[in-house]
Amino acid sequence: MEHDKRPWGEYWVLEDAPTHKVKRILVYPGGRLSYQYHHQRAEVWTMVSGVGRITLDGVIKDYKTGETALIPLGAKHRIENPFQEPLVFIEVQYGTYFGEDDIVRIEDDYQRA
């Protein structure tokens, strides 16, 4: 199983198929992913523990355990965990390409933009 650590947390690839990719993503307390978009994939995020604060095209909303966010193709998005407990969510990517090089970073706390 593919696993990668990032400055904000870590992820595990649960499935990597020609039509989709599934990840389990852990965001540490205080962690925040880059504000980004994709040219070739859309995503669905389902919170499984903790609360995720999601920015979607400039609109910020908290998603609790069991809630799902739809991230359309090309939409600018970010998830963060400003809370004390770890955040875990499942990301399902669908589209035509799922490589990490399809991340266009607009803003990033870790100078990767």
PDB file of N, CA and C in Angstrom:
ATOM      1  N   MET A   1       0.844  -1.179   0.000  1.00  0.00           N
ATOM      2  CA  MET A   1       0.000   0.000   0.000  1.00  0.00           C
ATOM      3  C   MET A   1       0.893   1.248   0.000  1.00  0.00           C
ATOM      4  N   GLU A   2       0.619   2.150  -0.942  1.00  0.00           N
ATOM      5  CA  GLU A   2       1.385   3.397  -1.010  1.00  0.00           C
ATOM      6  C   GLU A   2       1.055   4.282   0.189  1.00  0.00           C
ATOM      7  N   HIS A   3       2.085   4.858   0.806  1.00  0.00           N
ATOM      8  CA  HIS A   3       1.932   5.715   1.981  1.00  0.00           C
ATOM      9  C   HIS A   3       2.893   6.885   1.820  1.00  0.00           C
ATOM     10  N   ASP A   4       2.437   8.086   2.154  1.00  0.00           N
ATOM     11  CA  ASP A   4       3.314   9.243   2.042  1.00  0.00           C
ATOM     12  C   ASP A   4       3.056  10.190   3.204  1.00  0.00           C
ATOM     13  N   LYS A   5       4.136  10.745   3.756  1.00  0.00           N
ATOM     14  CA  LYS A   5       4.018  11.751   4.820  1.00  0.00           C
ATOM     15  C   LYS A   5       4.204  13.121   4.205  1.00  0.00           C
ATOM     16  N   ARG A   6       3.387  14.062   4.653  1.00  0.00           N
ATOM     17  CA  ARG A   6       3.454  15.445   4.196  1.00  0.00           C
ATOM     18  C   ARG A   6       3.582  16.349   5.417  1.00  0.00           C
ATOM     19  N   PRO A   7       3.877  17.633   5.222  1.00  0.00           N
ATOM     20  CA  PRO A   7       4.016  18.518   6.397  1.00  0.00           C
ATOM     21  C   PRO A   7       2.735  18.625   7.230  1.00  0.00           C
ATOM     22  N   TRP A   8       1.573  18.446   6.605  1.00  0.00           N
ATOM     23  CA  TRP A   8       0.270  18.593   7.267  1.00  0.00           C
ATOM     24  C   TRP A   8      -0.278  17.288   7.836  1.00  0.00           C
ATOM     25  N   GLY A   9       0.310  16.154   7.442  1.00  0.00           N
ATOM     26  CA  GLY A   9      -0.231  14.853   7.864  1.00  0.00           C
ATOM     27  C   GLY A   9       0.320  13.741   6.997  1.00  0.00           C
ATOM     28  N   GLU A  10      -0.532  12.771   6.653  1.00  0.00           N
ATOM     29  CA  GLU A  10      -0.102  11.660   5.814  1.00  0.00           C
ATOM     30  C   GLU A  10      -1.286  11.034   5.112  1.00  0.00           C
ATOM     31  N   TYR A  11      -0.990  10.234   4.075  1.00  0.00           N
ATOM     32  CA  TYR A  11      -2.071   9.532   3.378  1.00  0.00           C
ATOM     33  C   TYR A  11      -1.634   8.137   2.969  1.00  0.00           C
ATOM     34  N   TRP A  12      -2.649   7.301   2.772  1.00  0.00           N
ATOM     35  CA  TRP A  12      -2.482   5.928   2.320  1.00  0.00           C
ATOM     36  C   TRP A  12      -3.371   5.724   1.100  1.00  0.00           C
ATOM     37  N   VAL A  13      -2.831   5.156   0.038  1.00  0.00           N
ATOM     38  CA  VAL A  13      -3.638   4.836  -1.138  1.00  0.00           C
ATOM     39  C   VAL A  13      -4.281   3.481  -0.906  1.00  0.00           C
ATOM     40  N   LEU A  14      -5.607   3.444  -0.856  1.00  0.00           N
ATOM     41  CA  LEU A  14      -6.341   2.203  -0.612  1.00  0.00           C
ATOM     42  C   LEU A  14      -6.641   1.461  -1.904  1.00  0.00           C
ATOM     43  N   GLU A  15      -6.813   2.224  -3.000  1.00  0.00           N
ATOM     44  CA  GLU A  15      -7.085   1.613  -4.300  1.00  0.00           C
ATOM     45  C   GLU A  15      -6.619   2.562  -5.386  1.00  0.00           C
ATOM     46  N   ASP A  16      -5.989   2.013  -6.421  1.00  0.00           N
ATOM     47  CA  ASP A  16      -5.515   2.805  -7.546  1.00  0.00           C
ATOM     48  C   ASP A  16      -5.912   2.063  -8.820  1.00  0.00           C
ATOM     49  N   ALA A  17      -7.005   2.512  -9.443  1.00  0.00           N
ATOM     50  CA  ALA A  17      -7.570   1.847 -10.617  1.00  0.00           C
ATOM     51  C   ALA A  17      -7.529   2.811 -11.806  1.00  0.00           C
ATOM     52  N   PRO A  18      -7.729   2.318 -13.017  1.00  0.00           N
ATOM     53  CA  PRO A  18      -7.728   3.221 -14.181  1.00  0.00           C
ATOM     54  C   PRO A  18      -8.832   4.289 -14.121  1.00  0.00           C
ATOM     55  N   THR A  19      -9.931   3.996 -13.440  1.00  0.00           N
ATOM     56  CA  THR A  19     -11.076   4.919 -13.417  1.00  0.00           C
ATOM     57  C   THR A  19     -11.188   5.754 -12.149  1.00  0.00           C
ATOM     58  N   HIS A  20     -10.419   5.402 -11.103  1.00  0.00           N
ATOM     59  CA  HIS A  20     -10.530   6.118  -9.827  1.00  0.00           C
ATOM     60  C   HIS A  20      -9.350   5.798  -8.914  1.00  0.00           C
ATOM     61  N   LYS A  21      -9.210   6.607  -7.868  1.00  0.00           N
ATOM     62  CA  LYS A  21      -8.194   6.369  -6.842  1.00  0.00           C
ATOM     63  C   LYS A  21      -8.839   6.681  -5.499  1.00  0.00           C
ATOM     64  N   VAL A  22      -8.524   5.873  -4.474  1.00  0.00           N
ATOM     65  CA  VAL A  22      -9.089   6.063  -3.142  1.00  0.00           C
ATOM     66  C   VAL A  22      -7.956   6.223  -2.135  1.00  0.00           C
ATOM     67  N   LYS A  23      -8.036   7.282  -1.324  1.00  0.00           N
ATOM     68  CA  LYS A  23      -7.028   7.535  -0.290  1.00  0.00           C
ATOM     69  C   LYS A  23      -7.686   7.678   1.074  1.00  0.00           C
ATOM     70  N   ARG A  24      -6.958   7.250   2.103  1.00  0.00           N
ATOM     71  CA  ARG A  24      -7.303   7.575   3.498  1.00  0.00           C
ATOM     72  C   ARG A  24      -6.314   8.661   3.899  1.00  0.00           C
ATOM     73  N   ILE A  25      -6.842   9.814   4.317  1.00  0.00           N
ATOM     74  CA  ILE A  25      -6.000  10.975   4.591  1.00  0.00           C
ATOM     75  C   ILE A  25      -6.141  11.394   6.047  1.00  0.00           C
ATOM     76  N   LEU A  26      -4.998  11.563   6.699  1.00  0.00           N
ATOM     77  CA  LEU A  26      -4.932  12.019   8.090  1.00  0.00           C
ATOM     78  C   LEU A  26      -4.358  13.430   8.093  1.00  0.00           C
ATOM     79  N   VAL A  27      -5.100  14.378   8.698  1.00  0.00           N
ATOM     80  CA  VAL A  27      -4.617  15.753   8.833  1.00  0.00           C
ATOM     81  C   VAL A  27      -4.391  16.008  10.315  1.00  0.00           C
ATOM     82  N   TYR A  28      -3.146  16.305  10.663  1.00  0.00           N
ATOM     83  CA  TYR A  28      -2.800  16.558  12.060  1.00  0.00           C
ATOM     84  C   TYR A  28      -3.520  17.809  12.585  1.00  0.00           C
ATOM     85  N   PRO A  29      -3.751  17.892  13.900  1.00  0.00           N
ATOM     86  CA  PRO A  29      -4.289  19.135  14.478  1.00  0.00           C
ATOM     87  C   PRO A  29      -3.410  20.322  14.063  1.00  0.00           C
ATOM     88  N   GLY A  30      -4.042  21.360  13.541  1.00  0.00           N
ATOM     89  CA  GLY A  30      -3.317  22.528  13.058  1.00  0.00           C
ATOM     90  C   GLY A  30      -2.825  22.403  11.624  1.00  0.00           C
ATOM     91  N   GLY A  31      -3.002  21.240  10.986  1.00  0.00           N
ATOM     92  CA  GLY A  31      -2.532  21.020   9.619  1.00  0.00           C
ATOM     93  C   GLY A  31      -3.475  21.599   8.585  1.00  0.00           C
ATOM     94  N   ARG A  32      -2.898  21.991   7.458  1.00  0.00           N
ATOM     95  CA  ARG A  32      -3.703  22.572   6.385  1.00  0.00           C
ATOM     96  C   ARG A  32      -3.068  22.235   5.047  1.00  0.00           C
ATOM     97  N   LEU A  33      -3.840  21.653   4.138  1.00  0.00           N
ATOM     98  CA  LEU A  33      -3.359  21.350   2.800  1.00  0.00           C
ATOM     99  C   LEU A  33      -3.326  22.631   1.969  1.00  0.00           C
ATOM    100  N   SER A  34      -2.650  22.587   0.841  1.00  0.00           N
ATOM    101  CA  SER A  34      -2.585  23.769  -0.014  1.00  0.00           C
ATOM    102  C   SER A  34      -3.954  24.062  -0.631  1.00  0.00           C
ATOM    103  N   TYR A  35      -4.170  25.347  -0.962  1.00  0.00           N
ATOM    104  CA  TYR A  35      -5.349  25.756  -1.730  1.00  0.00           C
ATOM    105  C   TYR A  35      -5.000  25.434  -3.171  1.00  0.00           C
ATOM    106  N   GLN A  36      -5.794  24.587  -3.834  1.00  0.00           N
ATOM    107  CA  GLN A  36      -5.379  23.978  -5.090  1.00  0.00           C
ATOM    108  C   GLN A  36      -6.574  23.650  -5.975  1.00  0.00           C
ATOM    109  N   TYR A  37      -6.254  23.233  -7.196  1.00  0.00           N
ATOM    110  CA  TYR A  37      -7.272  22.681  -8.089  1.00  0.00           C
ATOM    111  C   TYR A  37      -6.605  21.667  -9.005  1.00  0.00           C
ATOM    112  N   HIS A  38      -7.429  20.940  -9.761  1.00  0.00           N
ATOM    113  CA  HIS A  38      -6.936  19.887 -10.648  1.00  0.00           C
ATOM    114  C   HIS A  38      -7.535  20.058 -12.044  1.00  0.00           C
ATOM    115  N   HIS A  39      -6.756  19.727 -13.062  1.00  0.00           N
ATOM    116  CA  HIS A  39      -7.228  19.780 -14.449  1.00  0.00           C
ATOM    117  C   HIS A  39      -7.928  18.498 -14.881  1.00  0.00           C
ATOM    118  N   GLN A  40      -7.584  17.363 -14.234  1.00  0.00           N
ATOM    119  CA  GLN A  40      -8.028  16.078 -14.780  1.00  0.00           C
ATOM    120  C   GLN A  40      -8.825  15.211 -13.810  1.00  0.00           C
ATOM    121  N   ARG A  41      -9.140  15.729 -12.629  1.00  0.00           N
ATOM    122  CA  ARG A  41      -9.901  14.903 -11.693  1.00  0.00           C
ATOM    123  C   ARG A  41     -10.784  15.752 -10.794  1.00  0.00           C
ATOM    124  N   ALA A  42     -11.883  15.129 -10.385  1.00  0.00           N
ATOM    125  CA  ALA A  42     -12.756  15.669  -9.347  1.00  0.00           C
ATOM    126  C   ALA A  42     -12.572  14.768  -8.131  1.00  0.00           C
ATOM    127  N   GLU A  43     -13.070  15.222  -6.961  1.00  0.00           N
ATOM    128  CA  GLU A  43     -12.885  14.442  -5.740  1.00  0.00           C
ATOM    129  C   GLU A  43     -14.149  14.471  -4.897  1.00  0.00           C
ATOM    130  N   VAL A  44     -14.305  13.425  -4.097  1.00  0.00           N
ATOM    131  CA  VAL A  44     -15.367  13.349  -3.087  1.00  0.00           C
ATOM    132  C   VAL A  44     -14.675  13.051  -1.763  1.00  0.00           C
ATOM    133  N   TRP A  45     -14.936  13.881  -0.749  1.00  0.00           N
ATOM    134  CA  TRP A  45     -14.311  13.711   0.563  1.00  0.00           C
ATOM    135  C   TRP A  45     -15.363  13.359   1.592  1.00  0.00           C
ATOM    136  N   THR A  46     -15.191  12.245   2.298  1.00  0.00           N
ATOM    137  CA  THR A  46     -16.101  11.841   3.374  1.00  0.00           C
ATOM    138  C   THR A  46     -15.326  11.818   4.687  1.00  0.00           C
ATOM    139  N   MET A  47     -15.801  12.592   5.651  1.00  0.00           N
ATOM    140  CA  MET A  47     -15.147  12.673   6.954  1.00  0.00           C
ATOM    141  C   MET A  47     -15.459  11.397   7.736  1.00  0.00           C
ATOM    142  N   VAL A  48     -14.420  10.763   8.285  1.00  0.00           N
ATOM    143  CA  VAL A  48     -14.642   9.551   9.080  1.00  0.00           C
ATOM    144  C   VAL A  48     -14.310   9.746  10.557  1.00  0.00           C
ATOM    145  N   SER A  49     -13.489  10.743  10.893  1.00  0.00           N
ATOM    146  CA  SER A  49     -13.310  11.123  12.297  1.00  0.00           C
ATOM    147  C   SER A  49     -12.759  12.542  12.354  1.00  0.00           C
ATOM    148  N   GLY A  50     -13.221  13.289  13.350  1.00  0.00           N
ATOM    149  CA  GLY A  50     -12.825  14.684  13.460  1.00  0.00           C
ATOM    150  C   GLY A  50     -13.709  15.578  12.606  1.00  0.00           C
ATOM    151  N   VAL A  51     -13.298  16.839  12.493  1.00  0.00           N
ATOM    152  CA  VAL A  51     -14.035  17.842  11.716  1.00  0.00           C
ATOM    153  C   VAL A  51     -13.074  18.464  10.723  1.00  0.00           C
ATOM    154  N   GLY A  52     -13.486  18.528   9.464  1.00  0.00           N
ATOM    155  CA  GLY A  52     -12.680  19.150   8.425  1.00  0.00           C
ATOM    156  C   GLY A  52     -13.246  20.504   8.054  1.00  0.00           C
ATOM    157  N   ARG A  53     -12.403  21.514   8.043  1.00  0.00           N
ATOM    158  CA  ARG A  53     -12.814  22.850   7.586  1.00  0.00           C
ATOM    159  C   ARG A  53     -12.409  22.955   6.119  1.00  0.00           C
ATOM    160  N   ILE A  54     -13.405  22.992   5.249  1.00  0.00           N
ATOM    161  CA  ILE A  54     -13.168  22.960   3.812  1.00  0.00           C
ATOM    162  C   ILE A  54     -13.448  24.323   3.197  1.00  0.00           C
ATOM    163  N   THR A  55     -12.501  24.782   2.377  1.00  0.00           N
ATOM    164  CA  THR A  55     -12.702  25.967   1.547  1.00  0.00           C
ATOM    165  C   THR A  55     -12.928  25.466   0.128  1.00  0.00           C
ATOM    166  N   LEU A  56     -14.081  25.821  -0.460  1.00  0.00           N
ATOM    167  CA  LEU A  56     -14.430  25.397  -1.816  1.00  0.00           C
ATOM    168  C   LEU A  56     -14.805  26.644  -2.613  1.00  0.00           C
ATOM    169  N   ASP A  57     -13.940  27.022  -3.546  1.00  0.00           N
ATOM    170  CA  ASP A  57     -14.118  28.249  -4.333  1.00  0.00           C
ATOM    171  C   ASP A  57     -14.415  29.450  -3.431  1.00  0.00           C
ATOM    172  N   GLY A  58     -13.647  29.565  -2.348  1.00  0.00           N
ATOM    173  CA  GLY A  58     -13.746  30.717  -1.463  1.00  0.00           C
ATOM    174  C   GLY A  58     -14.766  30.614  -0.344  1.00  0.00           C
ATOM    175  N   VAL A  59     -15.625  29.589  -0.360  1.00  0.00           N
ATOM    176  CA  VAL A  59     -16.647  29.399   0.678  1.00  0.00           C
ATOM    177  C   VAL A  59     -16.125  28.406   1.709  1.00  0.00           C
ATOM    178  N   ILE A  60     -16.153  28.796   2.992  1.00  0.00           N
ATOM    179  CA  ILE A  60     -15.614  27.967   4.075  1.00  0.00           C
ATOM    180  C   ILE A  60     -16.754  27.338   4.860  1.00  0.00           C
ATOM    181  N   LYS A  61     -16.650  26.014   5.091  1.00  0.00           N
ATOM    182  CA  LYS A  61     -17.683  25.291   5.839  1.00  0.00           C
ATOM    183  C   LYS A  61     -17.028  24.140   6.591  1.00  0.00           C
ATOM    184  N   ASP A  62     -17.505  23.878   7.819  1.00  0.00           N
ATOM    185  CA  ASP A  62     -17.027  22.737   8.596  1.00  0.00           C
ATOM    186  C   ASP A  62     -17.855  21.498   8.271  1.00  0.00           C
ATOM    187  N   TYR A  63     -17.168  20.375   8.073  1.00  0.00           N
ATOM    188  CA  TYR A  63     -17.809  19.092   7.780  1.00  0.00           C
ATOM    189  C   TYR A  63     -17.502  18.140   8.922  1.00  0.00           C
ATOM    190  N   LYS A  64     -18.568  17.575   9.510  1.00  0.00           N
ATOM    191  CA  LYS A  64     -18.421  16.661  10.642  1.00  0.00           C
ATOM    192  C   LYS A  64     -18.345  15.219  10.157  1.00  0.00           C
ATOM    193  N   THR A  65     -17.999  14.318  11.076  1.00  0.00           N
ATOM    194  CA  THR A  65     -17.942  12.889  10.774  1.00  0.00           C
ATOM    195  C   THR A  65     -19.232  12.451  10.086  1.00  0.00           C
ATOM    196  N   GLY A  66     -19.089  11.740   8.970  1.00  0.00           N
ATOM    197  CA  GLY A  66     -20.237  11.249   8.214  1.00  0.00           C
ATOM    198  C   GLY A  66     -20.689  12.183   7.100  1.00  0.00           C
ATOM    199  N   GLU A  67     -20.206  13.408   7.099  1.00  0.00           N
ATOM    200  CA  GLU A  67     -20.589  14.350   6.046  1.00  0.00           C
ATOM    201  C   GLU A  67     -19.617  14.256   4.877  1.00  0.00           C
ATOM    202  N   THR A  68     -20.126  14.610   3.686  1.00  0.00           N
ATOM    203  CA  THR A  68     -19.365  14.462   2.449  1.00  0.00           C
ATOM    204  C   THR A  68     -19.331  15.772   1.686  1.00  0.00           C
ATOM    205  N   ALA A  69     -18.165  16.092   1.139  1.00  0.00           N
ATOM    206  CA  ALA A  69     -17.989  17.280   0.296  1.00  0.00           C
ATOM    207  C   ALA A  69     -17.680  16.826  -1.129  1.00  0.00           C
ATOM    208  N   LEU A  70     -18.332  17.453  -2.097  1.00  0.00           N
ATOM    209  CA  LEU A  70     -18.073  17.185  -3.506  1.00  0.00           C
ATOM    210  C   LEU A  70     -17.176  18.289  -4.047  1.00  0.00           C
ATOM    211  N   ILE A  71     -16.049  17.897  -4.628  1.00  0.00           N
ATOM    212  CA  ILE A  71     -15.073  18.842  -5.172  1.00  0.00           C
ATOM    213  C   ILE A  71     -15.090  18.690  -6.697  1.00  0.00           C
ATOM    214  N   PRO A  72     -15.809  19.572  -7.407  1.00  0.00           N
ATOM    215  CA  PRO A  72     -15.906  19.424  -8.869  1.00  0.00           C
ATOM    216  C   PRO A  72     -14.565  19.646  -9.575  1.00  0.00           C
ATOM    217  N   LEU A  73     -14.454  19.124 -10.764  1.00  0.00           N
ATOM    218  CA  LEU A  73     -13.278  19.325 -11.599  1.00  0.00           C
ATOM    219  C   LEU A  73     -13.012  20.822 -11.738  1.00  0.00           C
ATOM    220  N   GLY A  74     -11.775  21.240 -11.461  1.00  0.00           N
ATOM    221  CA  GLY A  74     -11.394  22.634 -11.619  1.00  0.00           C
ATOM    222  C   GLY A  74     -11.733  23.540 -10.453  1.00  0.00           C
ATOM    223  N   ALA A  75     -12.464  23.047  -9.457  1.00  0.00           N
ATOM    224  CA  ALA A  75     -12.836  23.879  -8.310  1.00  0.00           C
ATOM    225  C   ALA A  75     -11.625  24.094  -7.411  1.00  0.00           C
ATOM    226  N   LYS A  76     -11.465  25.302  -6.921  1.00  0.00           N
ATOM    227  CA  LYS A  76     -10.385  25.590  -5.975  1.00  0.00           C
ATOM    228  C   LYS A  76     -10.807  25.085  -4.611  1.00  0.00           C
ATOM    229  N   HIS A  77      -9.904  24.347  -3.947  1.00  0.00           N
ATOM    230  CA  HIS A  77     -10.300  23.698  -2.694  1.00  0.00           C
ATOM    231  C   HIS A  77      -9.117  23.516  -1.749  1.00  0.00           C
ATOM    232  N   ARG A  78      -9.478  23.366  -0.475  1.00  0.00           N
ATOM    233  CA  ARG A  78      -8.497  23.123   0.589  1.00  0.00           C
ATOM    234  C   ARG A  78      -9.248  22.510   1.758  1.00  0.00           C
ATOM    235  N   ILE A  79      -8.557  21.683   2.522  1.00  0.00           N
ATOM    236  CA  ILE A  79      -9.099  21.190   3.792  1.00  0.00           C
ATOM    237  C   ILE A  79      -8.069  21.474   4.867  1.00  0.00           C
ATOM    238  N   GLU A  80      -8.557  21.820   6.049  1.00  0.00           N
ATOM    239  CA  GLU A  80      -7.669  22.074   7.179  1.00  0.00           C
ATOM    240  C   GLU A  80      -8.291  21.514   8.443  1.00  0.00           C
ATOM    241  N   ASN A  81      -7.446  21.379   9.448  1.00  0.00           N
ATOM    242  CA  ASN A  81      -7.877  20.868  10.740  1.00  0.00           C
ATOM    243  C   ASN A  81      -7.432  21.846  11.830  1.00  0.00           C
ATOM    244  N   PRO A  82      -8.272  22.867  12.129  1.00  0.00           N
ATOM    245  CA  PRO A  82      -7.897  23.833  13.163  1.00  0.00           C
ATOM    246  C   PRO A  82      -8.244  23.351  14.573  1.00  0.00           C
ATOM    247  N   PHE A  83      -8.655  22.092  14.688  1.00  0.00           N
ATOM    248  CA  PHE A  83      -9.143  21.563  15.962  1.00  0.00           C
ATOM    249  C   PHE A  83      -8.080  20.720  16.663  1.00  0.00           C
ATOM    250  N   GLN A  84      -8.391  20.250  17.873  1.00  0.00           N
ATOM    251  CA  GLN A  84      -7.429  19.525  18.706  1.00  0.00           C
ATOM    252  C   GLN A  84      -7.296  18.048  18.344  1.00  0.00           C
ATOM    253  N   GLU A  85      -8.354  17.455  17.785  1.00  0.00           N
ATOM    254  CA  GLU A  85      -8.276  16.023  17.479  1.00  0.00           C
ATOM    255  C   GLU A  85      -7.901  15.804  16.014  1.00  0.00           C
ATOM    256  N   PRO A  86      -7.220  14.694  15.705  1.00  0.00           N
ATOM    257  CA  PRO A  86      -6.851  14.409  14.319  1.00  0.00           C
ATOM    258  C   PRO A  86      -8.097  14.305  13.428  1.00  0.00           C
ATOM    259  N   LEU A  87      -7.931  14.675  12.165  1.00  0.00           N
ATOM    260  CA  LEU A  87      -8.989  14.551  11.161  1.00  0.00           C
ATOM    261  C   LEU A  87      -8.624  13.415  10.220  1.00  0.00           C
ATOM    262  N   VAL A  88      -9.575  12.521   9.977  1.00  0.00           N
ATOM    263  CA  VAL A  88      -9.379  11.456   8.989  1.00  0.00           C
ATOM    264  C   VAL A  88     -10.537  11.529   8.006  1.00  0.00           C
ATOM    265  N   PHE A  89     -10.207  11.526   6.706  1.00  0.00           N
ATOM    266  CA  PHE A  89     -11.264  11.471   5.698  1.00  0.00           C
ATOM    267  C   PHE A  89     -10.841  10.552   4.559  1.00  0.00           C
ATOM    268  N   ILE A  90     -11.842  10.090   3.831  1.00  0.00           N
ATOM    269  CA  ILE A  90     -11.622   9.233   2.661  1.00  0.00           C
ATOM    270  C   ILE A  90     -11.821  10.096   1.425  1.00  0.00           C
ATOM    271  N   GLU A  91     -10.827  10.066   0.543  1.00  0.00           N
ATOM    272  CA  GLU A  91     -10.906  10.827  -0.701  1.00  0.00           C
ATOM    273  C   GLU A  91     -11.069   9.851  -1.857  1.00  0.00           C
ATOM    274  N   VAL A  92     -12.121  10.043  -2.648  1.00  0.00           N
ATOM    275  CA  VAL A  92     -12.315   9.267  -3.875  1.00  0.00           C
ATOM    276  C   VAL A  92     -12.096  10.222  -5.042  1.00  0.00           C
ATOM    277  N   GLN A  93     -11.088   9.934  -5.844  1.00  0.00           N
ATOM    278  CA  GLN A  93     -10.789  10.734  -7.033  1.00  0.00           C
ATOM    279  C   GLN A  93     -11.390  10.030  -8.245  1.00  0.00           C
ATOM    280  N   TYR A  94     -12.011  10.819  -9.145  1.00  0.00           N
ATOM    281  CA  TYR A  94     -12.492  10.245 -10.397  1.00  0.00           C
ATOM    282  C   TYR A  94     -12.224  11.236 -11.521  1.00  0.00           C
ATOM    283  N   GLY A  95     -11.929  10.698 -12.693  1.00  0.00           N
ATOM    284  CA  GLY A  95     -11.574  11.538 -13.833  1.00  0.00           C
ATOM    285  C   GLY A  95     -10.712  10.751 -14.789  1.00  0.00           C
ATOM    286  N   THR A  96      -9.715  11.440 -15.397  1.00  0.00           N
ATOM    287  CA  THR A  96      -8.909  10.784 -16.423  1.00  0.00           C
ATOM    288  C   THR A  96      -7.460  10.551 -16.003  1.00  0.00           C
ATOM    289  N   TYR A  97      -7.021  11.204 -14.885  1.00  0.00           N
ATOM    290  CA  TYR A  97      -5.629  11.067 -14.456  1.00  0.00           C
ATOM    291  C   TYR A  97      -5.553  11.395 -12.975  1.00  0.00           C
ATOM    292  N   PHE A  98      -4.729  10.626 -12.220  1.00  0.00           N
ATOM    293  CA  PHE A  98      -4.718  10.751 -10.763  1.00  0.00           C
ATOM    294  C   PHE A  98      -3.325  10.999 -10.182  1.00  0.00           C
ATOM    295  N   GLY A  99      -2.380  11.404 -10.994  1.00  0.00           N
ATOM    296  CA  GLY A  99      -1.021  11.647 -10.523  1.00  0.00           C
ATOM    297  C   GLY A  99      -0.926  12.882  -9.641  1.00  0.00           C
ATOM    298  N   GLU A 100       0.060  12.868  -8.740  1.00  0.00           N
ATOM    299  CA  GLU A 100       0.282  14.008  -7.845  1.00  0.00           C
ATOM    300  C   GLU A 100       0.687  15.263  -8.623  1.00  0.00           C
ATOM    301  N   ASP A 101       1.158  15.105  -9.864  1.00  0.00           N
ATOM    302  CA  ASP A 101       1.550  16.278 -10.664  1.00  0.00           C
ATOM    303  C   ASP A 101       0.352  17.003 -11.281  1.00  0.00           C
ATOM    304  N   ASP A 102      -0.872  16.554 -10.995  1.00  0.00           N
ATOM    305  CA  ASP A 102      -2.080  17.275 -11.416  1.00  0.00           C
ATOM    306  C   ASP A 102      -2.588  18.167 -10.273  1.00  0.00           C
ATOM    307  N   ILE A 103      -1.707  18.535  -9.360  1.00  0.00           N
ATOM    308  CA  ILE A 103      -2.057  19.466  -8.294  1.00  0.00           C
ATOM    309  C   ILE A 103      -1.517  20.843  -8.699  1.00  0.00           C
ATOM    310  N   VAL A 104      -2.424  21.804  -8.878  1.00  0.00           N
ATOM    311  CA  VAL A 104      -2.019  23.185  -9.151  1.00  0.00           C
ATOM    312  C   VAL A 104      -2.222  23.952  -7.850  1.00  0.00           C
ATOM    313  N   ARG A 105      -1.116  24.295  -7.187  1.00  0.00           N
ATOM    314  CA  ARG A 105      -1.193  24.980  -5.892  1.00  0.00           C
ATOM    315  C   ARG A 105      -1.306  26.487  -6.084  1.00  0.00           C
ATOM    316  N   ILE A 106      -2.306  27.077  -5.448  1.00  0.00           N
ATOM    317  CA  ILE A 106      -2.518  28.521  -5.499  1.00  0.00           C
ATOM    318  C   ILE A 106      -1.855  29.170  -4.293  1.00  0.00           C
ATOM    319  N   GLU A 107      -2.000  28.527  -3.135  1.00  0.00           N
ATOM    320  CA  GLU A 107      -1.441  29.038  -1.892  1.00  0.00           C
ATOM    321  C   GLU A 107      -1.044  27.842  -1.039  1.00  0.00           C
ATOM    322  N   ASP A 108       0.095  27.952  -0.329  1.00  0.00           N
ATOM    323  CA  ASP A 108       0.581  26.806   0.414  1.00  0.00           C
ATOM    324  C   ASP A 108       1.388  27.274   1.632  1.00  0.00           C
ATOM    325  N   ASP A 109       1.064  26.743   2.798  1.00  0.00           N
ATOM    326  CA  ASP A 109       1.757  27.109   4.030  1.00  0.00           C
ATOM    327  C   ASP A 109       3.205  26.624   4.053  1.00  0.00           C
ATOM    328  N   TYR A 110       3.536  25.676   3.166  1.00  0.00           N
ATOM    329  CA  TYR A 110       4.855  25.037   3.201  1.00  0.00           C
ATOM    330  C   TYR A 110       5.688  25.404   1.976  1.00  0.00           C
ATOM    331  N   GLN A 111       5.373  26.538   1.348  1.00  0.00           N
ATOM    332  CA  GLN A 111       6.109  27.081   0.212  1.00  0.00           C
ATOM    333  C   GLN A 111       6.251  26.109  -0.968  1.00  0.00           C
ATOM    334  N   ARG A 112       5.200  25.324  -1.225  1.00  0.00           N
ATOM    335  CA  ARG A 112       5.219  24.433  -2.383  1.00  0.00           C
ATOM    336  C   ARG A 112       4.467  25.034  -3.554  1.00  0.00           C
ATOM    337  N   ALA A 113       3.852  26.210  -3.394  1.00  0.00           N
ATOM    338  CA  ALA A 113       3.049  26.826  -4.467  1.00  0.00           C
ATOM    339  C   ALA A 113       3.943  27.313  -5.603  1.00  0.00           C
TER     340      ALA A 113
END
